[in-house]
């Protein structure tokens, strides 16, 4: 039996070593939330204009919310999006 010469640390431990784990987790969370909102809008047949109107916001702000790489979204915006979709927002510390 030979040892695997490519055996090493995990991606999680590498990110943790470089103090990037929290940033990676936050970016992934934003991508998931943006996808969940987009999928819910599609299922409900909501256009961006209709969604923005039901959130009492602009289409530009909705575009920022739906941009998976834009992390400058406030909790208030997320709450209005959830309400517009008939959903609730749940956050937790782990």
N, C-alpha and C. Protein backbone atom coordinates (compact mmCIF):
# COMPACT_ATOMS: atom_id res chain seq x y z
N UNK A 1 0.83 -1.18 0.00
CA UNK A 1 0.00 0.00 0.00
C UNK A 1 0.88 1.25 0.00
N UNK A 2 0.57 2.14 -0.90
CA UNK A 2 1.35 3.38 -0.94
C UNK A 2 0.52 4.51 -0.37
N UNK A 3 1.22 5.46 0.22
CA UNK A 3 0.54 6.62 0.78
C UNK A 3 0.17 7.59 -0.34
N UNK A 4 -0.92 8.27 -0.16
CA UNK A 4 -1.36 9.26 -1.14
C UNK A 4 -0.48 10.49 -1.01
N UNK A 5 0.30 10.79 -2.05
CA UNK A 5 1.22 11.93 -1.97
C UNK A 5 0.48 13.27 -2.06
N UNK A 6 -0.81 13.23 -2.41
CA UNK A 6 -1.59 14.46 -2.53
C UNK A 6 -2.44 14.74 -1.28
N UNK A 7 -2.26 13.96 -0.25
CA UNK A 7 -3.03 14.14 0.97
C UNK A 7 -2.58 15.41 1.67
N UNK A 8 -3.53 16.23 2.07
CA UNK A 8 -3.17 17.48 2.73
C UNK A 8 -4.33 18.02 3.53
N UNK A 9 -4.28 19.28 3.79
CA UNK A 9 -5.34 19.90 4.59
C UNK A 9 -6.60 20.11 3.75
N UNK A 10 -7.70 20.34 4.43
CA UNK A 10 -8.96 20.58 3.75
C UNK A 10 -9.06 22.05 3.34
N UNK A 11 -9.98 22.34 2.46
CA UNK A 11 -10.21 23.72 2.05
C UNK A 11 -10.64 24.55 3.25
N UNK A 12 -11.48 23.96 4.09
CA UNK A 12 -11.95 24.67 5.28
C UNK A 12 -10.79 25.07 6.18
N UNK A 13 -9.85 24.14 6.40
CA UNK A 13 -8.72 24.47 7.27
C UNK A 13 -7.79 25.48 6.61
N UNK A 14 -7.65 25.42 5.31
CA UNK A 14 -6.84 26.40 4.59
C UNK A 14 -7.44 27.80 4.70
N UNK A 15 -8.76 27.90 4.50
CA UNK A 15 -9.43 29.19 4.64
C UNK A 15 -9.34 29.71 6.06
N UNK A 16 -9.46 28.82 7.04
CA UNK A 16 -9.37 29.22 8.43
C UNK A 16 -7.97 29.73 8.76
N UNK A 17 -6.94 29.07 8.23
CA UNK A 17 -5.57 29.51 8.45
C UNK A 17 -5.34 30.93 7.93
N UNK A 18 -5.96 31.24 6.81
CA UNK A 18 -5.79 32.55 6.18
C UNK A 18 -6.85 33.56 6.62
N UNK A 19 -7.61 33.23 7.66
CA UNK A 19 -8.68 34.10 8.16
C UNK A 19 -9.69 34.47 7.08
N UNK A 20 -9.99 33.53 6.20
CA UNK A 20 -10.93 33.77 5.11
C UNK A 20 -12.21 32.96 5.25
N UNK A 21 -12.29 32.11 6.26
CA UNK A 21 -13.42 31.20 6.39
C UNK A 21 -14.73 31.96 6.59
N UNK A 22 -14.74 32.96 7.46
CA UNK A 22 -15.97 33.73 7.69
C UNK A 22 -16.40 34.47 6.43
N UNK A 23 -15.45 35.04 5.70
CA UNK A 23 -15.79 35.75 4.46
C UNK A 23 -16.38 34.79 3.42
N UNK A 24 -15.79 33.60 3.32
CA UNK A 24 -16.29 32.61 2.36
C UNK A 24 -17.70 32.16 2.73
N UNK A 25 -17.94 31.95 4.01
CA UNK A 25 -19.27 31.53 4.47
C UNK A 25 -20.30 32.62 4.22
N UNK A 26 -19.93 33.89 4.45
CA UNK A 26 -20.85 34.99 4.22
C UNK A 26 -21.17 35.14 2.73
N UNK A 27 -20.15 35.00 1.89
CA UNK A 27 -20.37 35.10 0.45
C UNK A 27 -21.29 33.97 -0.03
N UNK A 28 -21.09 32.79 0.49
CA UNK A 28 -21.94 31.65 0.10
C UNK A 28 -23.37 31.87 0.56
N UNK A 29 -23.54 32.41 1.76
CA UNK A 29 -24.88 32.68 2.27
C UNK A 29 -25.60 33.69 1.39
N UNK A 30 -24.90 34.75 0.99
CA UNK A 30 -25.51 35.77 0.12
C UNK A 30 -25.94 35.17 -1.21
N UNK A 31 -25.11 34.29 -1.76
CA UNK A 31 -25.46 33.64 -3.03
C UNK A 31 -26.71 32.78 -2.89
N UNK A 32 -26.82 32.07 -1.77
CA UNK A 32 -27.99 31.21 -1.54
C UNK A 32 -29.24 32.07 -1.37
N UNK A 33 -29.15 33.15 -0.61
CA UNK A 33 -30.32 34.02 -0.41
C UNK A 33 -30.76 34.64 -1.73
N UNK A 34 -29.81 35.13 -2.52
CA UNK A 34 -30.15 35.72 -3.81
C UNK A 34 -30.84 34.69 -4.70
N UNK A 35 -30.35 33.45 -4.68
CA UNK A 35 -30.95 32.39 -5.50
C UNK A 35 -32.36 32.05 -4.99
N UNK A 36 -32.53 31.98 -3.67
CA UNK A 36 -33.85 31.67 -3.11
C UNK A 36 -34.88 32.73 -3.49
N UNK A 37 -34.48 33.99 -3.45
CA UNK A 37 -35.39 35.08 -3.83
C UNK A 37 -35.74 34.98 -5.30
N UNK A 38 -34.74 34.77 -6.15
CA UNK A 38 -34.98 34.68 -7.59
C UNK A 38 -35.89 33.50 -7.93
N UNK A 39 -35.67 32.35 -7.29
CA UNK A 39 -36.49 31.17 -7.54
C UNK A 39 -37.93 31.42 -7.08
N UNK A 40 -38.09 32.02 -5.91
CA UNK A 40 -39.44 32.32 -5.40
C UNK A 40 -40.16 33.30 -6.31
N UNK A 41 -39.44 34.31 -6.80
CA UNK A 41 -40.05 35.26 -7.73
C UNK A 41 -40.53 34.55 -8.98
N UNK A 42 -39.70 33.67 -9.52
CA UNK A 42 -40.05 32.94 -10.74
C UNK A 42 -41.27 32.05 -10.51
N UNK A 43 -41.29 31.33 -9.38
CA UNK A 43 -42.42 30.44 -9.07
C UNK A 43 -43.73 31.21 -8.95
N UNK A 44 -43.64 32.45 -8.43
CA UNK A 44 -44.83 33.26 -8.24
C UNK A 44 -45.14 34.13 -9.45
N UNK A 45 -44.30 34.06 -10.47
CA UNK A 45 -44.51 34.84 -11.68
C UNK A 45 -44.31 36.34 -11.48
N UNK A 46 -43.45 36.71 -10.53
CA UNK A 46 -43.20 38.12 -10.26
C UNK A 46 -42.07 38.66 -11.12
N UNK A 47 -42.33 39.75 -11.79
CA UNK A 47 -41.27 40.42 -12.52
C UNK A 47 -40.45 41.24 -11.53
N UNK A 48 -39.30 41.71 -11.97
CA UNK A 48 -38.48 42.56 -11.10
C UNK A 48 -39.22 43.84 -10.75
N UNK A 49 -39.93 44.39 -11.71
CA UNK A 49 -40.68 45.62 -11.44
C UNK A 49 -41.77 45.40 -10.41
N UNK A 50 -42.49 44.30 -10.53
CA UNK A 50 -43.55 44.00 -9.57
C UNK A 50 -42.97 43.71 -8.19
N UNK A 51 -41.87 42.99 -8.15
CA UNK A 51 -41.24 42.68 -6.87
C UNK A 51 -40.74 43.96 -6.20
N UNK A 52 -40.10 44.81 -6.96
CA UNK A 52 -39.60 46.08 -6.41
C UNK A 52 -40.75 46.92 -5.88
N UNK A 53 -41.84 46.96 -6.60
CA UNK A 53 -43.01 47.74 -6.16
C UNK A 53 -43.58 47.17 -4.87
N UNK A 54 -43.66 45.85 -4.77
CA UNK A 54 -44.21 45.25 -3.56
C UNK A 54 -43.27 45.41 -2.36
N UNK A 55 -42.00 45.66 -2.62
CA UNK A 55 -41.03 45.92 -1.56
C UNK A 55 -40.92 47.40 -1.24
N UNK A 56 -41.62 48.24 -2.00
CA UNK A 56 -41.52 49.70 -1.88
C UNK A 56 -40.08 50.17 -2.05
N UNK A 57 -39.45 49.66 -3.11
CA UNK A 57 -38.07 50.01 -3.39
C UNK A 57 -37.88 50.19 -4.89
N UNK A 58 -36.67 50.46 -5.29
CA UNK A 58 -36.37 50.64 -6.71
C UNK A 58 -35.91 49.32 -7.32
N UNK A 59 -35.97 49.28 -8.63
CA UNK A 59 -35.47 48.11 -9.32
C UNK A 59 -33.96 47.97 -9.16
N UNK A 60 -33.28 49.10 -9.06
CA UNK A 60 -31.82 49.08 -8.87
C UNK A 60 -31.47 48.41 -7.54
N UNK A 61 -32.24 48.72 -6.49
CA UNK A 61 -31.98 48.08 -5.19
C UNK A 61 -32.30 46.59 -5.25
N UNK A 62 -33.35 46.23 -5.96
CA UNK A 62 -33.67 44.82 -6.12
C UNK A 62 -32.56 44.11 -6.89
N UNK A 63 -32.02 44.75 -7.91
CA UNK A 63 -30.91 44.15 -8.67
C UNK A 63 -29.71 43.90 -7.76
N UNK A 64 -29.43 44.82 -6.83
CA UNK A 64 -28.33 44.61 -5.88
C UNK A 64 -28.63 43.42 -4.97
N UNK A 65 -29.88 43.30 -4.57
CA UNK A 65 -30.29 42.17 -3.73
C UNK A 65 -30.12 40.85 -4.47
N UNK A 66 -30.46 40.82 -5.74
CA UNK A 66 -30.39 39.60 -6.53
C UNK A 66 -28.98 39.30 -7.05
N UNK A 67 -28.07 40.25 -6.92
CA UNK A 67 -26.68 40.05 -7.36
C UNK A 67 -25.97 39.20 -6.31
N UNK A 68 -25.60 37.97 -6.65
CA UNK A 68 -24.98 37.09 -5.65
C UNK A 68 -23.63 37.59 -5.14
N UNK A 69 -23.01 38.49 -5.86
CA UNK A 69 -21.69 38.99 -5.45
C UNK A 69 -21.76 40.31 -4.70
N UNK A 70 -22.95 40.88 -4.57
CA UNK A 70 -23.10 42.15 -3.87
C UNK A 70 -23.51 41.86 -2.43
N UNK A 71 -22.62 42.16 -1.50
CA UNK A 71 -22.92 41.84 -0.10
C UNK A 71 -23.35 43.07 0.71
N UNK A 72 -23.75 44.13 0.03
CA UNK A 72 -24.15 45.35 0.74
C UNK A 72 -25.67 45.42 0.90
N UNK A 73 -26.26 44.33 1.33
CA UNK A 73 -27.70 44.25 1.51
C UNK A 73 -28.02 44.37 3.00
N UNK A 74 -29.03 45.16 3.32
CA UNK A 74 -29.39 45.34 4.73
C UNK A 74 -30.42 44.30 5.16
N UNK A 75 -30.53 44.13 6.46
CA UNK A 75 -31.55 43.23 7.00
C UNK A 75 -32.94 43.73 6.68
N UNK A 76 -33.12 45.04 6.67
CA UNK A 76 -34.43 45.62 6.34
C UNK A 76 -34.83 45.25 4.92
N UNK A 77 -33.88 45.28 4.00
CA UNK A 77 -34.18 44.92 2.60
C UNK A 77 -34.53 43.44 2.51
N UNK A 78 -33.78 42.60 3.21
CA UNK A 78 -34.08 41.16 3.20
C UNK A 78 -35.47 40.89 3.79
N UNK A 79 -35.81 41.61 4.84
CA UNK A 79 -37.12 41.44 5.47
C UNK A 79 -38.24 41.85 4.51
N UNK A 80 -38.06 42.97 3.81
CA UNK A 80 -39.09 43.41 2.84
C UNK A 80 -39.21 42.42 1.69
N UNK A 81 -38.10 41.85 1.25
CA UNK A 81 -38.15 40.85 0.17
C UNK A 81 -38.90 39.61 0.62
N UNK A 82 -38.59 39.15 1.82
CA UNK A 82 -39.28 37.97 2.34
C UNK A 82 -40.78 38.22 2.45
N UNK A 83 -41.14 39.38 2.98
CA UNK A 83 -42.56 39.72 3.12
C UNK A 83 -43.26 39.79 1.77
N UNK A 84 -42.59 40.38 0.78
CA UNK A 84 -43.17 40.49 -0.56
C UNK A 84 -43.42 39.12 -1.19
N UNK A 85 -42.63 38.13 -0.76
CA UNK A 85 -42.77 36.78 -1.29
C UNK A 85 -43.66 35.89 -0.41
N UNK A 86 -44.23 36.49 0.65
CA UNK A 86 -45.07 35.72 1.55
C UNK A 86 -44.27 34.79 2.44
N UNK A 87 -43.03 35.15 2.68
CA UNK A 87 -42.14 34.33 3.50
C UNK A 87 -41.67 35.14 4.69
N UNK A 88 -40.93 34.49 5.57
CA UNK A 88 -40.33 35.21 6.70
C UNK A 88 -38.81 35.04 6.62
N UNK A 89 -38.13 35.95 7.26
CA UNK A 89 -36.68 35.91 7.30
C UNK A 89 -36.24 35.32 8.63
N UNK A 90 -35.37 34.34 8.58
CA UNK A 90 -34.88 33.71 9.80
C UNK A 90 -33.35 33.80 9.81
N UNK A 91 -32.82 34.43 10.84
CA UNK A 91 -31.37 34.53 11.02
C UNK A 91 -31.01 33.88 12.33
N UNK A 92 -29.81 33.31 12.40
CA UNK A 92 -29.37 32.73 13.65
C UNK A 92 -27.87 32.80 13.75
N UNK A 93 -27.38 32.87 14.96
CA UNK A 93 -25.97 32.80 15.23
C UNK A 93 -25.62 31.36 15.52
N UNK A 94 -24.54 30.90 14.94
CA UNK A 94 -24.14 29.50 15.19
C UNK A 94 -22.73 29.46 15.72
